[in-house]
Amino acid sequence: MLPTAISYVITSPLSLARVLWWYGEDALWPVALELPASVVADLAPRFAELRSAPEGMELLWPGAPLADAHLVLGVIEHVEGRPRPAARRHRRGGPMPALLDADEDERWHDPTLAEVLRLVHQRTATSGEAPVPSRLGRLHGRYSWW
């Protein structure tokens, strides 16, 4: 049986800000950090669309890092009105700004992440309550909705 295509990538403003910081988007990561859960939920299908089309991402960002490009391109597109390559092609090292420096456990238990998941769940008319974020499948460190 072939795996089902990803329809939504569930993430949080914090995770989006972190990935933008990694790729040198110093003017955009603070904007991403302030995105409301409803906007991140709106972006979930676009992240999945970009993720499922690596050849399209390659056209938009040659040599893009496949693990992160769908998030970076999706946020840039949302904020600036069109996708473009990030300032950096590889993740930068060094200490992350304190505002973004949350460990993995904190990120998976972020209340905003749970709200994004709840909104996507509600909008897709999936029956029952939204699952707990930590029980979803992970896609390169981010949640995915199959």
N, C-alpha and C. Protein backbone atom coordinates (compact mmCIF):
# COMPACT_ATOMS: atom_id res chain seq x y z
N MET A 1 0.84 -1.18 0.00
CA MET A 1 0.00 0.00 0.00
C MET A 1 0.89 1.25 0.00
N LEU A 2 0.58 2.20 -0.88
CA LEU A 2 1.35 3.43 -0.96
C LEU A 2 0.96 4.37 0.17
N PRO A 3 1.91 5.15 0.69
CA PRO A 3 1.57 6.09 1.75
C PRO A 3 0.63 7.17 1.21
N THR A 4 -0.25 7.62 2.06
CA THR A 4 -1.18 8.68 1.69
C THR A 4 -0.41 10.00 1.63
N ALA A 5 -0.81 10.84 0.71
CA ALA A 5 -0.17 12.15 0.59
C ALA A 5 -0.50 12.99 1.83
N ILE A 6 0.41 13.83 2.19
CA ILE A 6 0.20 14.73 3.32
C ILE A 6 -0.71 15.86 2.86
N SER A 7 -1.75 16.13 3.63
CA SER A 7 -2.68 17.20 3.30
C SER A 7 -2.43 18.47 4.10
N TYR A 8 -1.88 18.31 5.30
CA TYR A 8 -1.65 19.45 6.19
C TYR A 8 -0.36 19.22 6.95
N VAL A 9 0.42 20.27 7.12
CA VAL A 9 1.58 20.22 8.00
C VAL A 9 1.23 21.13 9.17
N ILE A 10 1.16 20.53 10.34
CA ILE A 10 0.78 21.25 11.55
C ILE A 10 2.06 21.70 12.25
N THR A 11 2.16 22.99 12.47
CA THR A 11 3.33 23.55 13.13
C THR A 11 2.88 24.72 13.98
N SER A 12 3.82 25.44 14.54
CA SER A 12 3.49 26.57 15.42
C SER A 12 4.24 27.81 14.97
N PRO A 13 3.79 28.98 15.42
CA PRO A 13 4.55 30.20 15.13
C PRO A 13 5.99 30.11 15.63
N LEU A 14 6.19 29.50 16.79
CA LEU A 14 7.54 29.35 17.33
C LEU A 14 8.42 28.52 16.39
N SER A 15 7.91 27.41 15.92
CA SER A 15 8.71 26.57 15.00
C SER A 15 8.98 27.29 13.69
N LEU A 16 8.00 28.03 13.20
CA LEU A 16 8.21 28.79 11.96
C LEU A 16 9.28 29.87 12.17
N ALA A 17 9.21 30.56 13.29
CA ALA A 17 10.22 31.60 13.58
C ALA A 17 11.61 30.98 13.68
N ARG A 18 11.71 29.83 14.33
CA ARG A 18 13.00 29.16 14.46
C ARG A 18 13.58 28.81 13.10
N VAL A 19 12.77 28.25 12.21
CA VAL A 19 13.28 27.84 10.90
C VAL A 19 13.66 29.07 10.06
N LEU A 20 12.92 30.15 10.19
CA LEU A 20 13.31 31.37 9.48
C LEU A 20 14.62 31.93 10.02
N TRP A 21 14.81 31.87 11.33
CA TRP A 21 16.07 32.33 11.90
C TRP A 21 17.22 31.49 11.37
N TRP A 22 17.04 30.15 11.34
CA TRP A 22 18.10 29.27 10.84
C TRP A 22 18.57 29.68 9.45
N TYR A 23 17.64 30.12 8.62
CA TYR A 23 17.98 30.43 7.23
C TYR A 23 18.18 31.92 7.00
N GLY A 24 18.49 32.66 8.06
CA GLY A 24 18.94 34.04 7.93
C GLY A 24 17.86 35.07 7.69
N GLU A 25 16.63 34.74 7.92
CA GLU A 25 15.53 35.68 7.70
C GLU A 25 15.25 36.48 8.97
N ASP A 26 16.21 37.35 9.30
CA ASP A 26 16.15 38.09 10.56
C ASP A 26 15.02 39.11 10.61
N ALA A 27 14.57 39.60 9.48
CA ALA A 27 13.43 40.53 9.47
C ALA A 27 12.10 39.79 9.54
N LEU A 28 12.08 38.52 9.13
CA LEU A 28 10.81 37.79 9.07
C LEU A 28 10.53 36.90 10.27
N TRP A 29 11.58 36.42 10.95
CA TRP A 29 11.28 35.50 12.05
C TRP A 29 10.44 36.16 13.15
N PRO A 30 10.65 37.45 13.48
CA PRO A 30 9.76 38.05 14.50
C PRO A 30 8.31 38.13 14.03
N VAL A 31 8.11 38.32 12.73
CA VAL A 31 6.75 38.35 12.17
C VAL A 31 6.12 36.98 12.32
N ALA A 32 6.86 35.94 11.98
CA ALA A 32 6.34 34.56 12.10
C ALA A 32 6.00 34.23 13.54
N LEU A 33 6.79 34.69 14.46
CA LEU A 33 6.56 34.40 15.88
C LEU A 33 5.23 34.98 16.35
N GLU A 34 4.79 36.04 15.72
CA GLU A 34 3.54 36.71 16.11
C GLU A 34 2.32 36.25 15.31
N LEU A 35 2.50 35.30 14.39
CA LEU A 35 1.35 34.83 13.61
C LEU A 35 0.31 34.20 14.52
N PRO A 36 -0.95 34.56 14.33
CA PRO A 36 -2.00 33.90 15.12
C PRO A 36 -2.15 32.44 14.70
N ALA A 37 -2.63 31.62 15.61
CA ALA A 37 -2.85 30.20 15.32
C ALA A 37 -3.74 30.02 14.09
N SER A 38 -4.72 30.90 13.91
CA SER A 38 -5.62 30.78 12.76
C SER A 38 -4.88 30.95 11.44
N VAL A 39 -3.90 31.81 11.40
CA VAL A 39 -3.11 32.00 10.17
C VAL A 39 -2.22 30.79 9.92
N VAL A 40 -1.60 30.26 10.96
CA VAL A 40 -0.77 29.07 10.80
C VAL A 40 -1.64 27.90 10.33
N ALA A 41 -2.85 27.80 10.85
CA ALA A 41 -3.78 26.77 10.39
C ALA A 41 -4.14 26.99 8.91
N ASP A 42 -4.31 28.24 8.52
CA ASP A 42 -4.58 28.55 7.10
C ASP A 42 -3.41 28.11 6.21
N LEU A 43 -2.19 28.22 6.74
CA LEU A 43 -1.00 27.88 5.96
C LEU A 43 -0.73 26.37 5.91
N ALA A 44 -1.34 25.59 6.78
CA ALA A 44 -1.07 24.15 6.87
C ALA A 44 -1.22 23.42 5.53
N PRO A 45 -2.26 23.69 4.73
CA PRO A 45 -2.34 23.00 3.44
C PRO A 45 -1.27 23.47 2.45
N ARG A 46 -0.89 24.73 2.53
CA ARG A 46 0.16 25.24 1.62
C ARG A 46 1.49 24.60 1.95
N PHE A 47 1.80 24.46 3.24
CA PHE A 47 3.03 23.78 3.63
C PHE A 47 3.05 22.36 3.07
N ALA A 48 1.91 21.68 3.16
CA ALA A 48 1.82 20.30 2.65
C ALA A 48 1.96 20.27 1.13
N GLU A 49 1.35 21.23 0.46
CA GLU A 49 1.45 21.30 -1.00
C GLU A 49 2.90 21.49 -1.44
N LEU A 50 3.58 22.42 -0.79
CA LEU A 50 4.99 22.64 -1.11
C LEU A 50 5.82 21.41 -0.80
N ARG A 51 5.56 20.79 0.34
CA ARG A 51 6.32 19.60 0.76
C ARG A 51 6.17 18.44 -0.22
N SER A 52 4.97 18.34 -0.81
CA SER A 52 4.70 17.22 -1.71
C SER A 52 5.21 17.47 -3.14
N ALA A 53 5.77 18.64 -3.38
CA ALA A 53 6.27 18.96 -4.73
C ALA A 53 7.71 19.44 -4.66
N PRO A 54 8.66 18.54 -4.36
CA PRO A 54 10.06 18.98 -4.23
C PRO A 54 10.61 19.59 -5.52
N GLU A 55 10.11 19.14 -6.67
CA GLU A 55 10.58 19.73 -7.94
C GLU A 55 10.14 21.19 -8.05
N GLY A 56 8.96 21.51 -7.53
CA GLY A 56 8.50 22.89 -7.52
C GLY A 56 9.30 23.74 -6.55
N MET A 57 9.62 23.17 -5.39
CA MET A 57 10.44 23.90 -4.43
C MET A 57 11.82 24.18 -5.02
N GLU A 58 12.34 23.23 -5.79
CA GLU A 58 13.66 23.41 -6.41
C GLU A 58 13.64 24.58 -7.39
N LEU A 59 12.53 24.77 -8.08
CA LEU A 59 12.41 25.92 -8.99
C LEU A 59 12.35 27.24 -8.22
N LEU A 60 11.64 27.22 -7.09
CA LEU A 60 11.50 28.43 -6.28
C LEU A 60 12.76 28.75 -5.48
N TRP A 61 13.47 27.69 -5.07
CA TRP A 61 14.66 27.85 -4.23
C TRP A 61 15.65 26.77 -4.61
N PRO A 62 16.47 27.02 -5.63
CA PRO A 62 17.44 25.99 -6.06
C PRO A 62 18.35 25.56 -4.91
N GLY A 63 18.48 24.25 -4.76
CA GLY A 63 19.32 23.70 -3.70
C GLY A 63 18.70 23.80 -2.32
N ALA A 64 17.42 24.03 -2.28
CA ALA A 64 16.73 24.20 -1.00
C ALA A 64 16.85 22.96 -0.12
N PRO A 65 16.91 23.16 1.19
CA PRO A 65 16.93 22.03 2.12
C PRO A 65 15.53 21.42 2.20
N LEU A 66 15.36 20.20 1.74
CA LEU A 66 14.03 19.59 1.66
C LEU A 66 13.33 19.49 3.02
N ALA A 67 14.08 19.36 4.08
CA ALA A 67 13.46 19.23 5.40
C ALA A 67 12.77 20.51 5.86
N ASP A 68 13.18 21.65 5.36
CA ASP A 68 12.67 22.92 5.86
C ASP A 68 12.07 23.84 4.80
N ALA A 69 12.38 23.62 3.55
CA ALA A 69 12.02 24.58 2.50
C ALA A 69 10.52 24.86 2.42
N HIS A 70 9.70 23.84 2.62
CA HIS A 70 8.25 24.05 2.52
C HIS A 70 7.76 25.06 3.55
N LEU A 71 8.36 25.06 4.73
CA LEU A 71 7.96 26.02 5.76
C LEU A 71 8.50 27.41 5.45
N VAL A 72 9.76 27.48 5.09
CA VAL A 72 10.38 28.77 4.79
C VAL A 72 9.67 29.43 3.61
N LEU A 73 9.50 28.70 2.52
CA LEU A 73 8.84 29.26 1.34
C LEU A 73 7.40 29.66 1.64
N GLY A 74 6.69 28.84 2.40
CA GLY A 74 5.29 29.14 2.72
C GLY A 74 5.13 30.40 3.55
N VAL A 75 6.00 30.59 4.53
CA VAL A 75 5.91 31.79 5.36
C VAL A 75 6.34 33.02 4.56
N ILE A 76 7.41 32.92 3.81
CA ILE A 76 7.84 34.05 2.99
C ILE A 76 6.72 34.44 2.03
N GLU A 77 6.12 33.45 1.40
CA GLU A 77 5.02 33.71 0.48
C GLU A 77 3.86 34.42 1.19
N HIS A 78 3.53 33.96 2.38
CA HIS A 78 2.43 34.58 3.13
C HIS A 78 2.76 36.03 3.49
N VAL A 79 3.94 36.26 4.02
CA VAL A 79 4.30 37.59 4.51
C VAL A 79 4.59 38.57 3.36
N GLU A 80 5.31 38.11 2.34
CA GLU A 80 5.75 39.00 1.27
C GLU A 80 4.89 38.94 0.00
N GLY A 81 3.99 37.97 -0.05
CA GLY A 81 3.11 37.88 -1.21
C GLY A 81 3.60 36.98 -2.33
N ARG A 82 4.83 36.49 -2.20
CA ARG A 82 5.37 35.55 -3.20
C ARG A 82 6.51 34.78 -2.54
N PRO A 83 6.69 33.52 -2.97
CA PRO A 83 7.81 32.76 -2.39
C PRO A 83 9.13 33.22 -2.99
N ARG A 84 10.18 33.09 -2.24
CA ARG A 84 11.53 33.39 -2.72
C ARG A 84 12.51 32.58 -1.89
N PRO A 85 13.72 32.41 -2.38
CA PRO A 85 14.73 31.70 -1.57
C PRO A 85 15.03 32.47 -0.29
N ALA A 86 15.38 31.74 0.72
CA ALA A 86 15.78 32.37 1.98
C ALA A 86 17.17 32.99 1.82
N ALA A 87 17.54 33.80 2.78
CA ALA A 87 18.84 34.47 2.75
C ALA A 87 20.00 33.47 2.77
N ARG A 88 19.78 32.33 3.41
CA ARG A 88 20.82 31.30 3.52
C ARG A 88 20.29 29.99 2.94
N ARG A 89 21.17 29.18 2.40
CA ARG A 89 20.78 27.87 1.89
C ARG A 89 20.96 26.78 2.97
N HIS A 90 21.83 27.03 3.91
CA HIS A 90 22.09 26.07 4.98
C HIS A 90 21.77 26.71 6.32
N ARG A 91 21.40 25.88 7.27
CA ARG A 91 21.11 26.38 8.61
C ARG A 91 22.35 27.04 9.22
N ARG A 92 22.14 28.16 9.84
CA ARG A 92 23.26 28.78 10.54
C ARG A 92 23.40 28.16 11.91
N GLY A 93 24.60 28.22 12.41
CA GLY A 93 24.87 27.70 13.74
C GLY A 93 24.88 28.83 14.74
N GLY A 94 25.41 28.52 15.89
CA GLY A 94 25.50 29.53 16.92
C GLY A 94 24.27 29.56 17.78
N PRO A 95 24.33 30.31 18.85
CA PRO A 95 23.19 30.36 19.76
C PRO A 95 21.99 31.07 19.12
N MET A 96 20.85 30.48 19.33
CA MET A 96 19.60 31.02 18.84
C MET A 96 19.16 32.14 19.80
N PRO A 97 18.45 33.14 19.32
CA PRO A 97 17.93 34.16 20.25
C PRO A 97 17.11 33.50 21.36
N ALA A 98 17.23 34.02 22.55
CA ALA A 98 16.57 33.42 23.73
C ALA A 98 15.07 33.23 23.51
N LEU A 99 14.46 34.14 22.81
CA LEU A 99 13.02 34.06 22.55
C LEU A 99 12.64 32.81 21.76
N LEU A 100 13.57 32.29 20.98
CA LEU A 100 13.32 31.12 20.14
C LEU A 100 13.89 29.84 20.72
N ASP A 101 14.70 29.96 21.73
CA ASP A 101 15.44 28.82 22.26
C ASP A 101 14.60 27.97 23.21
N ALA A 102 13.68 27.19 22.62
CA ALA A 102 12.83 26.29 23.40
C ALA A 102 13.23 24.86 23.07
N ASP A 103 13.28 24.02 24.09
CA ASP A 103 13.66 22.63 23.81
C ASP A 103 12.51 21.88 23.12
N GLU A 104 12.82 20.70 22.68
CA GLU A 104 11.86 19.93 21.90
C GLU A 104 10.57 19.67 22.68
N ASP A 105 10.69 19.32 23.94
CA ASP A 105 9.51 19.04 24.74
C ASP A 105 8.60 20.27 24.84
N GLU A 106 9.19 21.43 25.04
CA GLU A 106 8.41 22.67 25.10
C GLU A 106 7.67 22.91 23.78
N ARG A 107 8.36 22.68 22.68
CA ARG A 107 7.75 22.92 21.37
C ARG A 107 6.59 21.96 21.11
N TRP A 108 6.74 20.69 21.47
CA TRP A 108 5.67 19.72 21.22
C TRP A 108 4.47 19.94 22.13
N HIS A 109 4.68 20.64 23.26
CA HIS A 109 3.58 20.91 24.19
C HIS A 109 3.15 22.37 24.17
N ASP A 110 3.52 23.08 23.12
CA ASP A 110 3.16 24.48 22.93
C ASP A 110 1.64 24.59 22.78
N PRO A 111 0.97 25.39 23.61
CA PRO A 111 -0.48 25.54 23.49
C PRO A 111 -0.92 26.08 22.13
N THR A 112 -0.09 26.90 21.51
CA THR A 112 -0.44 27.42 20.19
C THR A 112 -0.41 26.32 19.14
N LEU A 113 0.52 25.38 19.28
CA LEU A 113 0.54 24.23 18.38
C LEU A 113 -0.76 23.44 18.52
N ALA A 114 -1.20 23.22 19.75
CA ALA A 114 -2.46 22.50 19.99
C ALA A 114 -3.64 23.26 19.38
N GLU A 115 -3.60 24.58 19.45
CA GLU A 115 -4.68 25.39 18.86
C GLU A 115 -4.66 25.29 17.34
N VAL A 116 -3.49 25.31 16.73
CA VAL A 116 -3.40 25.14 15.27
C VAL A 116 -4.00 23.80 14.88
N LEU A 117 -3.64 22.77 15.59
CA LEU A 117 -4.17 21.44 15.31
C LEU A 117 -5.69 21.41 15.48
N ARG A 118 -6.18 22.02 16.55
CA ARG A 118 -7.63 22.05 16.78
C ARG A 118 -8.35 22.75 15.63
N LEU A 119 -7.80 23.87 15.17
CA LEU A 119 -8.43 24.61 14.08
C LEU A 119 -8.43 23.83 12.77
N VAL A 120 -7.31 23.20 12.45
CA VAL A 120 -7.26 22.39 11.23
C VAL A 120 -8.24 21.23 11.34
N HIS A 121 -8.26 20.60 12.48
CA HIS A 121 -9.19 19.49 12.72
C HIS A 121 -10.64 19.96 12.53
N GLN A 122 -10.97 21.10 13.11
CA GLN A 122 -12.31 21.66 13.01
C GLN A 122 -12.67 22.01 11.56
N ARG A 123 -11.74 22.62 10.85
CA ARG A 123 -11.99 23.06 9.47
C ARG A 123 -12.12 21.91 8.49
N THR A 124 -11.50 20.80 8.81
CA THR A 124 -11.55 19.66 7.89
C THR A 124 -12.73 18.75 8.19
N ALA A 125 -13.57 19.17 9.11
CA ALA A 125 -14.79 18.44 9.47
C ALA A 125 -14.48 17.00 9.90
N THR A 126 -13.32 16.81 10.50
CA THR A 126 -12.97 15.50 11.03
C THR A 126 -13.80 15.28 12.29
N SER A 127 -14.35 14.11 12.42
CA SER A 127 -15.22 13.85 13.57
C SER A 127 -14.41 13.70 14.85
N GLY A 128 -15.08 13.93 15.96
CA GLY A 128 -14.44 13.78 17.26
C GLY A 128 -13.55 14.95 17.62
N GLU A 129 -12.90 14.80 18.75
CA GLU A 129 -12.00 15.84 19.23
C GLU A 129 -10.67 15.79 18.49
N ALA A 130 -10.01 16.92 18.43
CA ALA A 130 -8.68 16.98 17.82
C ALA A 130 -7.72 16.13 18.65
N PRO A 131 -6.83 15.40 18.00
CA PRO A 131 -5.86 14.61 18.76
C PRO A 131 -4.87 15.50 19.50
N VAL A 132 -4.21 14.91 20.45
CA VAL A 132 -3.16 15.61 21.18
C VAL A 132 -1.97 15.71 20.24
N PRO A 133 -1.36 16.90 20.11
CA PRO A 133 -0.26 17.07 19.16
C PRO A 133 0.85 16.04 19.28
N SER A 134 1.20 15.66 20.49
CA SER A 134 2.33 14.73 20.65
C SER A 134 2.02 13.34 20.10
N ARG A 135 0.78 13.07 19.73
CA ARG A 135 0.41 11.76 19.18
C ARG A 135 0.38 11.74 17.66
N LEU A 136 0.63 12.86 17.04
CA LEU A 136 0.66 12.91 15.58
C LEU A 136 1.99 12.40 15.05
N GLY A 137 1.98 11.99 13.79
CA GLY A 137 3.22 11.60 13.15
C GLY A 137 4.11 12.81 12.95
N ARG A 138 5.40 12.61 13.02
CA ARG A 138 6.32 13.73 12.85
C ARG A 138 6.98 13.65 11.49
N LEU A 139 7.14 14.79 10.89
CA LEU A 139 7.74 14.93 9.58
C LEU A 139 8.92 15.87 9.73
N HIS A 140 10.11 15.33 9.78
CA HIS A 140 11.31 16.15 9.96
C HIS A 140 11.16 17.12 11.13
N GLY A 141 10.72 16.61 12.26
CA GLY A 141 10.64 17.44 13.45
C GLY A 141 9.39 18.28 13.55
N ARG A 142 8.49 18.17 12.59
CA ARG A 142 7.24 18.92 12.64
C ARG A 142 6.11 17.93 12.51
N TYR A 143 4.97 18.33 12.98
CA TYR A 143 3.82 17.45 12.87
C TYR A 143 3.27 17.44 11.45
N SER A 144 2.76 16.32 11.06
CA SER A 144 2.09 16.23 9.77
C SER A 144 0.73 15.58 9.99
N TRP A 145 -0.19 15.94 9.17
CA TRP A 145 -1.52 15.38 9.22
C TRP A 145 -1.68 14.57 7.96
N TRP A 146 -1.91 13.30 8.10
CA TRP A 146 -1.97 12.43 6.91
C TRP A 146 -3.35 12.32 6.36
